[in-house]
Amino acid sequence: MNLLHRLAAEQLPVAVTAGAEVDAVRVLSMAGHIRATIPKPLRTLDGYTQPPAMVNEITSLGRTMLKRFPCR
């Protein structure tokens, strides 16, 4: 929910680059709270790297969640 509140305070679209935050974007997207483009991880010599996710919209469900769970 913290990420959803932070996204609501930004002008969309927003690129999310941190690995843990990209995972949170994935969860918010699957829950229907946001619309986002999340590229698949890319294989590198050291393992994998995650390209940035692009958050395009907060859905009406996401806005309802923002109202029901205000930022503390």
PDB file of N, CA and C in Angstrom:
ATOM      1  N   MET A   1       0.820  -1.189   0.000  1.00  0.00           N
ATOM      2  CA  MET A   1       0.000   0.000   0.000  1.00  0.00           C
ATOM      3  C   MET A   1       0.867   1.257   0.000  1.00  0.00           C
ATOM      4  N   ASN A   2       2.049   1.166   0.617  1.00  0.00           N
ATOM      5  CA  ASN A   2       2.921   2.344   0.629  1.00  0.00           C
ATOM      6  C   ASN A   2       3.306   2.756  -0.785  1.00  0.00           C
ATOM      7  N   LEU A   3       3.611   1.786  -1.623  1.00  0.00           N
ATOM      8  CA  LEU A   3       3.968   2.102  -3.001  1.00  0.00           C
ATOM      9  C   LEU A   3       2.780   2.699  -3.733  1.00  0.00           C
ATOM     10  N   LEU A   4       1.587   2.181  -3.499  1.00  0.00           N
ATOM     11  CA  LEU A   4       0.392   2.728  -4.144  1.00  0.00           C
ATOM     12  C   LEU A   4       0.199   4.187  -3.750  1.00  0.00           C
ATOM     13  N   HIS A   5       0.401   4.514  -2.487  1.00  0.00           N
ATOM     14  CA  HIS A   5       0.299   5.909  -2.035  1.00  0.00           C
ATOM     15  C   HIS A   5       1.381   6.773  -2.683  1.00  0.00           C
ATOM     16  N   ARG A   6       2.583   6.250  -2.794  1.00  0.00           N
ATOM     17  CA  ARG A   6       3.661   7.023  -3.439  1.00  0.00           C
ATOM     18  C   ARG A   6       3.358   7.256  -4.909  1.00  0.00           C
ATOM     19  N   LEU A   7       2.830   6.242  -5.587  1.00  0.00           N
ATOM     20  CA  LEU A   7       2.485   6.388  -6.994  1.00  0.00           C
ATOM     21  C   LEU A   7       1.368   7.413  -7.184  1.00  0.00           C
ATOM     22  N   ALA A   8       0.414   7.439  -6.255  1.00  0.00           N
ATOM     23  CA  ALA A   8      -0.697   8.391  -6.350  1.00  0.00           C
ATOM     24  C   ALA A   8      -0.217   9.833  -6.229  1.00  0.00           C
ATOM     25  N   ALA A   9       0.911  10.037  -5.566  1.00  0.00           N
ATOM     26  CA  ALA A   9       1.453  11.382  -5.394  1.00  0.00           C
ATOM     27  C   ALA A   9       2.306  11.827  -6.588  1.00  0.00           C
ATOM     28  N   GLU A  10       2.617  10.900  -7.496  1.00  0.00           N
ATOM     29  CA  GLU A  10       3.456  11.192  -8.660  1.00  0.00           C
ATOM     30  C   GLU A  10       2.603  11.496  -9.884  1.00  0.00           C
ATOM     31  N   GLN A  11       3.227  12.159 -10.848  1.00  0.00           N
ATOM     32  CA  GLN A  11       2.582  12.335 -12.136  1.00  0.00           C
ATOM     33  C   GLN A  11       2.915  11.118 -12.990  1.00  0.00           C
ATOM     34  N   LEU A  12       1.880  10.419 -13.430  1.00  0.00           N
ATOM     35  CA  LEU A  12       2.071   9.193 -14.200  1.00  0.00           C
ATOM     36  C   LEU A  12       2.276   9.522 -15.668  1.00  0.00           C
ATOM     37  N   PRO A  13       3.019   8.719 -16.401  1.00  0.00           N
ATOM     38  CA  PRO A  13       3.605   7.432 -16.042  1.00  0.00           C
ATOM     39  C   PRO A  13       4.871   7.591 -15.204  1.00  0.00           C
ATOM     40  N   VAL A  14       5.161   6.552 -14.411  1.00  0.00           N
ATOM     41  CA  VAL A  14       6.329   6.523 -13.535  1.00  0.00           C
ATOM     42  C   VAL A  14       7.104   5.246 -13.807  1.00  0.00           C
ATOM     43  N   ALA A  15       8.418   5.375 -13.936  1.00  0.00           N
ATOM     44  CA  ALA A  15       9.293   4.212 -14.082  1.00  0.00           C
ATOM     45  C   ALA A  15       9.738   3.774 -12.694  1.00  0.00           C
ATOM     46  N   VAL A  16       9.570   2.490 -12.400  1.00  0.00           N
ATOM     47  CA  VAL A  16       9.991   1.918 -11.117  1.00  0.00           C
ATOM     48  C   VAL A  16      11.173   1.012 -11.408  1.00  0.00           C
ATOM     49  N   THR A  17      12.300   1.292 -10.755  1.00  0.00           N
ATOM     50  CA  THR A  17      13.534   0.593 -11.106  1.00  0.00           C
ATOM     51  C   THR A  17      14.026  -0.398 -10.058  1.00  0.00           C
ATOM     52  N   ALA A  18      13.757  -0.158  -8.783  1.00  0.00           N
ATOM     53  CA  ALA A  18      14.271  -1.043  -7.728  1.00  0.00           C
ATOM     54  C   ALA A  18      13.604  -2.410  -7.815  1.00  0.00           C
ATOM     55  N   GLY A  19      14.381  -3.460  -7.644  1.00  0.00           N
ATOM     56  CA  GLY A  19      13.883  -4.824  -7.788  1.00  0.00           C
ATOM     57  C   GLY A  19      12.697  -5.142  -6.902  1.00  0.00           C
ATOM     58  N   ALA A  20      12.767  -4.788  -5.622  1.00  0.00           N
ATOM     59  CA  ALA A  20      11.668  -5.076  -4.696  1.00  0.00           C
ATOM     60  C   ALA A  20      10.431  -4.270  -5.069  1.00  0.00           C
ATOM     61  N   GLU A  21      10.632  -3.039  -5.542  1.00  0.00           N
ATOM     62  CA  GLU A  21       9.494  -2.221  -5.940  1.00  0.00           C
ATOM     63  C   GLU A  21       8.861  -2.738  -7.228  1.00  0.00           C
ATOM     64  N   VAL A  22       9.672  -3.281  -8.135  1.00  0.00           N
ATOM     65  CA  VAL A  22       9.111  -3.878  -9.354  1.00  0.00           C
ATOM     66  C   VAL A  22       8.245  -5.073  -8.964  1.00  0.00           C
ATOM     67  N   ASP A  23       8.664  -5.837  -7.969  1.00  0.00           N
ATOM     68  CA  ASP A  23       7.845  -6.944  -7.478  1.00  0.00           C
ATOM     69  C   ASP A  23       6.536  -6.421  -6.890  1.00  0.00           C
ATOM     70  N   ALA A  24       6.591  -5.302  -6.153  1.00  0.00           N
ATOM     71  CA  ALA A  24       5.381  -4.702  -5.590  1.00  0.00           C
ATOM     72  C   ALA A  24       4.464  -4.194  -6.705  1.00  0.00           C
ATOM     73  N   VAL A  25       5.047  -3.642  -7.767  1.00  0.00           N
ATOM     74  CA  VAL A  25       4.254  -3.208  -8.922  1.00  0.00           C
ATOM     75  C   VAL A  25       3.553  -4.414  -9.534  1.00  0.00           C
ATOM     76  N   ARG A  26       4.255  -5.517  -9.624  1.00  0.00           N
ATOM     77  CA  ARG A  26       3.670  -6.746 -10.175  1.00  0.00           C
ATOM     78  C   ARG A  26       2.458  -7.183  -9.345  1.00  0.00           C
ATOM     79  N   VAL A  27       2.572  -7.130  -8.030  1.00  0.00           N
ATOM     80  CA  VAL A  27       1.473  -7.520  -7.138  1.00  0.00           C
ATOM     81  C   VAL A  27       0.298  -6.551  -7.282  1.00  0.00           C
ATOM     82  N   LEU A  28       0.577  -5.242  -7.283  1.00  0.00           N
ATOM     83  CA  LEU A  28      -0.489  -4.250  -7.440  1.00  0.00           C
ATOM     84  C   LEU A  28      -1.200  -4.407  -8.780  1.00  0.00           C
ATOM     85  N   SER A  29      -0.447  -4.729  -9.807  1.00  0.00           N
ATOM     86  CA  SER A  29      -1.025  -4.924 -11.127  1.00  0.00           C
ATOM     87  C   SER A  29      -1.918  -6.168 -11.151  1.00  0.00           C
ATOM     88  N   MET A  30      -1.438  -7.274 -10.578  1.00  0.00           N
ATOM     89  CA  MET A  30      -2.239  -8.503 -10.543  1.00  0.00           C
ATOM     90  C   MET A  30      -3.508  -8.315  -9.715  1.00  0.00           C
ATOM     91  N   ALA A  31      -3.447  -7.452  -8.681  1.00  0.00           N
ATOM     92  CA  ALA A  31      -4.619  -7.183  -7.846  1.00  0.00           C
ATOM     93  C   ALA A  31      -5.599  -6.235  -8.533  1.00  0.00           C
ATOM     94  N   GLY A  32      -5.185  -5.634  -9.644  1.00  0.00           N
ATOM     95  CA  GLY A  32      -6.065  -4.723 -10.372  1.00  0.00           C
ATOM     96  C   GLY A  32      -6.037  -3.299  -9.866  1.00  0.00           C
ATOM     97  N   HIS A  33      -5.043  -2.954  -9.048  1.00  0.00           N
ATOM     98  CA  HIS A  33      -4.961  -1.602  -8.493  1.00  0.00           C
ATOM     99  C   HIS A  33      -4.294  -0.619  -9.437  1.00  0.00           C
ATOM    100  N   ILE A  34      -3.439  -1.118 -10.321  1.00  0.00           N
ATOM    101  CA  ILE A  34      -2.747  -0.263 -11.284  1.00  0.00           C
ATOM    102  C   ILE A  34      -2.689  -0.957 -12.631  1.00  0.00           C
ATOM    103  N   ARG A  35      -2.388  -0.176 -13.651  1.00  0.00           N
ATOM    104  CA  ARG A  35      -2.058  -0.720 -14.968  1.00  0.00           C
ATOM    105  C   ARG A  35      -0.583  -0.401 -15.192  1.00  0.00           C
ATOM    106  N   ALA A  36       0.169  -1.429 -15.501  1.00  0.00           N
ATOM    107  CA  ALA A  36       1.617  -1.250 -15.640  1.00  0.00           C
ATOM    108  C   ALA A  36       2.166  -2.173 -16.716  1.00  0.00           C
ATOM    109  N   THR A  37       3.291  -1.762 -17.270  1.00  0.00           N
ATOM    110  CA  THR A  37       4.048  -2.587 -18.200  1.00  0.00           C
ATOM    111  C   THR A  37       5.285  -3.064 -17.457  1.00  0.00           C
ATOM    112  N   ILE A  38       5.403  -4.381 -17.319  1.00  0.00           N
ATOM    113  CA  ILE A  38       6.511  -4.955 -16.555  1.00  0.00           C
ATOM    114  C   ILE A  38       7.268  -5.910 -17.463  1.00  0.00           C
ATOM    115  N   PRO A  39       8.459  -5.499 -17.923  1.00  0.00           N
ATOM    116  CA  PRO A  39       9.227  -6.400 -18.784  1.00  0.00           C
ATOM    117  C   PRO A  39       9.750  -7.604 -18.015  1.00  0.00           C
ATOM    118  N   LYS A  40       9.975  -8.676 -18.741  1.00  0.00           N
ATOM    119  CA  LYS A  40      10.545  -9.876 -18.130  1.00  0.00           C
ATOM    120  C   LYS A  40      12.002  -9.609 -17.744  1.00  0.00           C
ATOM    121  N   PRO A  41      12.489 -10.288 -16.696  1.00  0.00           N
ATOM    122  CA  PRO A  41      13.900 -10.152 -16.327  1.00  0.00           C
ATOM    123  C   PRO A  41      14.801 -10.622 -17.476  1.00  0.00           C
ATOM    124  N   LEU A  42      15.952  -9.985 -17.588  1.00  0.00           N
ATOM    125  CA  LEU A  42      16.923 -10.333 -18.622  1.00  0.00           C
ATOM    126  C   LEU A  42      18.061 -11.130 -18.015  1.00  0.00           C
ATOM    127  N   ARG A  43      18.435 -12.200 -18.680  1.00  0.00           N
ATOM    128  CA  ARG A  43      19.550 -13.020 -18.211  1.00  0.00           C
ATOM    129  C   ARG A  43      20.858 -12.302 -18.509  1.00  0.00           C
ATOM    130  N   THR A  44      21.739 -12.293 -17.527  1.00  0.00           N
ATOM    131  CA  THR A  44      23.070 -11.705 -17.670  1.00  0.00           C
ATOM    132  C   THR A  44      24.111 -12.752 -17.296  1.00  0.00           C
ATOM    133  N   LEU A  45      25.363 -12.397 -17.410  1.00  0.00           N
ATOM    134  CA  LEU A  45      26.432 -13.321 -17.014  1.00  0.00           C
ATOM    135  C   LEU A  45      26.413 -13.605 -15.513  1.00  0.00           C
ATOM    136  N   ASP A  46      25.896 -12.634 -14.729  1.00  0.00           N
ATOM    137  CA  ASP A  46      25.855 -12.778 -13.278  1.00  0.00           C
ATOM    138  C   ASP A  46      24.517 -13.286 -12.753  1.00  0.00           C
ATOM    139  N   GLY A  47      23.571 -13.558 -13.617  1.00  0.00           N
ATOM    140  CA  GLY A  47      22.243 -14.005 -13.181  1.00  0.00           C
ATOM    141  C   GLY A  47      21.163 -13.325 -14.001  1.00  0.00           C
ATOM    142  N   TYR A  48      20.388 -12.476 -13.336  1.00  0.00           N
ATOM    143  CA  TYR A  48      19.303 -11.767 -14.005  1.00  0.00           C
ATOM    144  C   TYR A  48      19.308 -10.301 -13.587  1.00  0.00           C
ATOM    145  N   THR A  49      18.777  -9.450 -14.461  1.00  0.00           N
ATOM    146  CA  THR A  49      18.549  -8.056 -14.132  1.00  0.00           C
ATOM    147  C   THR A  49      17.128  -7.713 -14.537  1.00  0.00           C
ATOM    148  N   GLN A  50      16.491  -6.837 -13.773  1.00  0.00           N
ATOM    149  CA  GLN A  50      15.104  -6.479 -14.038  1.00  0.00           C
ATOM    150  C   GLN A  50      15.046  -5.091 -14.662  1.00  0.00           C
ATOM    151  N   PRO A  51      14.599  -5.002 -15.912  1.00  0.00           N
ATOM    152  CA  PRO A  51      14.390  -3.679 -16.504  1.00  0.00           C
ATOM    153  C   PRO A  51      13.281  -2.938 -15.742  1.00  0.00           C
ATOM    154  N   PRO A  52      13.254  -1.617 -15.832  1.00  0.00           N
ATOM    155  CA  PRO A  52      12.241  -0.838 -15.103  1.00  0.00           C
ATOM    156  C   PRO A  52      10.817  -1.192 -15.527  1.00  0.00           C
ATOM    157  N   ALA A  53       9.915  -1.141 -14.560  1.00  0.00           N
ATOM    158  CA  ALA A  53       8.484  -1.291 -14.825  1.00  0.00           C
ATOM    159  C   ALA A  53       7.901   0.102 -15.013  1.00  0.00           C
ATOM    160  N   MET A  54       6.942   0.238 -15.918  1.00  0.00           N
ATOM    161  CA  MET A  54       6.306   1.524 -16.175  1.00  0.00           C
ATOM    162  C   MET A  54       4.870   1.480 -15.670  1.00  0.00           C
ATOM    163  N   VAL A  55       4.580   2.299 -14.659  1.00  0.00           N
ATOM    164  CA  VAL A  55       3.224   2.391 -14.121  1.00  0.00           C
ATOM    165  C   VAL A  55       2.505   3.473 -14.907  1.00  0.00           C
ATOM    166  N   ASN A  56       1.416   3.091 -15.576  1.00  0.00           N
ATOM    167  CA  ASN A  56       0.701   4.006 -16.460  1.00  0.00           C
ATOM    168  C   ASN A  56      -0.550   4.608 -15.844  1.00  0.00           C
ATOM    169  N   GLU A  57      -1.187   3.876 -14.932  1.00  0.00           N
ATOM    170  CA  GLU A  57      -2.478   4.330 -14.422  1.00  0.00           C
ATOM    171  C   GLU A  57      -2.781   3.686 -13.081  1.00  0.00           C
ATOM    172  N   ILE A  58      -3.469   4.417 -12.215  1.00  0.00           N
ATOM    173  CA  ILE A  58      -4.057   3.847 -11.006  1.00  0.00           C
ATOM    174  C   ILE A  58      -5.528   3.644 -11.335  1.00  0.00           C
ATOM    175  N   THR A  59      -6.005   2.429 -11.194  1.00  0.00           N
ATOM    176  CA  THR A  59      -7.371   2.081 -11.571  1.00  0.00           C
ATOM    177  C   THR A  59      -8.373   2.611 -10.538  1.00  0.00           C
ATOM    178  N   SER A  60      -9.641   2.510 -10.857  1.00  0.00           N
ATOM    179  CA  SER A  60     -10.679   2.937  -9.906  1.00  0.00           C
ATOM    180  C   SER A  60     -10.621   2.073  -8.644  1.00  0.00           C
ATOM    181  N   LEU A  61     -10.305   0.781  -8.794  1.00  0.00           N
ATOM    182  CA  LEU A  61     -10.139  -0.078  -7.627  1.00  0.00           C
ATOM    183  C   LEU A  61      -8.965   0.401  -6.778  1.00  0.00           C
ATOM    184  N   GLY A  62      -7.875   0.782  -7.430  1.00  0.00           N
ATOM    185  CA  GLY A  62      -6.718   1.309  -6.711  1.00  0.00           C
ATOM    186  C   GLY A  62      -7.049   2.583  -5.962  1.00  0.00           C
ATOM    187  N   ARG A  63      -7.831   3.467  -6.565  1.00  0.00           N
ATOM    188  CA  ARG A  63      -8.238   4.715  -5.903  1.00  0.00           C
ATOM    189  C   ARG A  63      -9.152   4.424  -4.709  1.00  0.00           C
ATOM    190  N   THR A  64      -9.995   3.403  -4.844  1.00  0.00           N
ATOM    191  CA  THR A  64     -10.840   2.996  -3.718  1.00  0.00           C
ATOM    192  C   THR A  64      -9.975   2.496  -2.569  1.00  0.00           C
ATOM    193  N   MET A  65      -8.951   1.709  -2.884  1.00  0.00           N
ATOM    194  CA  MET A  65      -8.046   1.210  -1.845  1.00  0.00           C
ATOM    195  C   MET A  65      -7.301   2.351  -1.160  1.00  0.00           C
ATOM    196  N   LEU A  66      -6.919   3.370  -1.917  1.00  0.00           N
ATOM    197  CA  LEU A  66      -6.248   4.527  -1.332  1.00  0.00           C
ATOM    198  C   LEU A  66      -7.144   5.219  -0.292  1.00  0.00           C
ATOM    199  N   LYS A  67      -8.443   5.293  -0.602  1.00  0.00           N
ATOM    200  CA  LYS A  67      -9.384   5.935   0.333  1.00  0.00           C
ATOM    201  C   LYS A  67      -9.633   5.069   1.562  1.00  0.00           C
ATOM    202  N   ARG A  68      -9.703   3.739   1.357  1.00  0.00           N
ATOM    203  CA  ARG A  68      -9.985   2.837   2.479  1.00  0.00           C
ATOM    204  C   ARG A  68      -8.797   2.634   3.396  1.00  0.00           C
ATOM    205  N   PHE A  69      -7.591   2.755   2.840  1.00  0.00           N
ATOM    206  CA  PHE A  69      -6.373   2.565   3.629  1.00  0.00           C
ATOM    207  C   PHE A  69      -5.507   3.800   3.499  1.00  0.00           C
ATOM    208  N   PRO A  70      -5.851   4.880   4.218  1.00  0.00           N
ATOM    209  CA  PRO A  70      -5.082   6.121   4.108  1.00  0.00           C
ATOM    210  C   PRO A  70      -3.649   5.939   4.603  1.00  0.00           C
ATOM    211  N   CYS A  71      -2.783   6.770   4.078  1.00  0.00           N
ATOM    212  CA  CYS A  71      -1.367   6.738   4.462  1.00  0.00           C
ATOM    213  C   CYS A  71      -1.220   7.171   5.907  1.00  0.00           C
ATOM    214  N   ARG A  72      -0.364   6.482   6.637  1.00  0.00           N
ATOM    215  CA  ARG A  72      -0.180   6.824   8.057  1.00  0.00           C
ATOM    216  C   ARG A  72       1.014   7.695   8.256  1.00  0.00           C
TER     217      ARG A  72
END
